[in-house]
Amino acid sequence: MALPRETARTAFDPTGMAEPLTVALSRGEGTVSVTVDGSGEVRVDD
């Protein structure tokens, strides 16, 4: 998902039944991936 200079929002169901989401964040040459799984656990990979 690429949204240059835009704001994006996603919401997760408080019961933990949401679809997993991975978002790539980049700035200059650097990029990290942020993953939120169905139970709400967040993982950041650089």
Protein backbone atom coordinates (compact mmCIF):
# COMPACT_ATOMS: atom_id res chain seq x y z
CA MET A 1 0.00 0.00 0.00
CA ALA A 2 1.56 3.30 -1.02
CA LEU A 3 -0.01 6.54 0.15
CA PRO A 4 2.54 9.29 -0.38
CA ARG A 5 1.88 12.28 1.87
CA GLU A 6 -1.57 11.02 2.76
CA THR A 7 -3.05 9.85 6.04
CA ALA A 8 -4.35 6.30 6.27
CA ARG A 9 -6.42 4.78 9.03
CA THR A 10 -7.45 1.25 9.83
CA ALA A 11 -9.51 -0.05 12.72
CA PHE A 12 -9.39 -3.44 14.39
CA ASP A 13 -12.32 -5.18 16.03
CA PRO A 14 -11.85 -5.16 19.83
CA THR A 15 -12.79 -8.85 19.97
CA GLY A 16 -9.60 -9.74 18.06
CA MET A 17 -11.41 -11.02 14.98
CA ALA A 18 -9.88 -8.53 12.49
CA GLU A 19 -8.04 -9.39 9.30
CA PRO A 20 -4.24 -9.16 9.61
CA LEU A 21 -2.64 -6.05 8.11
CA THR A 22 0.90 -5.29 6.96
CA VAL A 23 1.93 -1.75 6.11
CA ALA A 24 5.31 -0.70 4.69
CA LEU A 25 6.53 2.65 5.97
CA SER A 26 9.35 4.36 4.11
CA ARG A 27 11.33 7.56 4.35
CA GLY A 28 14.25 8.27 2.08
CA GLU A 29 16.16 5.02 1.66
CA GLY A 30 14.77 3.40 4.83
CA THR A 31 11.75 1.08 4.95
CA VAL A 32 10.11 -0.88 7.77
CA SER A 33 7.11 -3.19 7.77
CA VAL A 34 4.52 -2.99 10.53
CA THR A 35 2.29 -6.05 10.88
CA VAL A 36 -0.80 -6.28 13.08
CA ASP A 37 -2.21 -9.81 13.33
CA GLY A 38 -5.79 -10.85 13.99
CA SER A 39 -5.28 -10.87 17.77
CA GLY A 40 -3.88 -7.32 17.79
CA GLU A 41 -0.20 -8.23 18.20
CA VAL A 42 2.05 -5.66 16.50
CA ARG A 43 5.42 -6.53 14.94
CA VAL A 44 7.87 -4.06 13.38
CA ASP A 45 10.50 -5.43 10.99
CA ASP A 46 13.26 -3.28 9.59
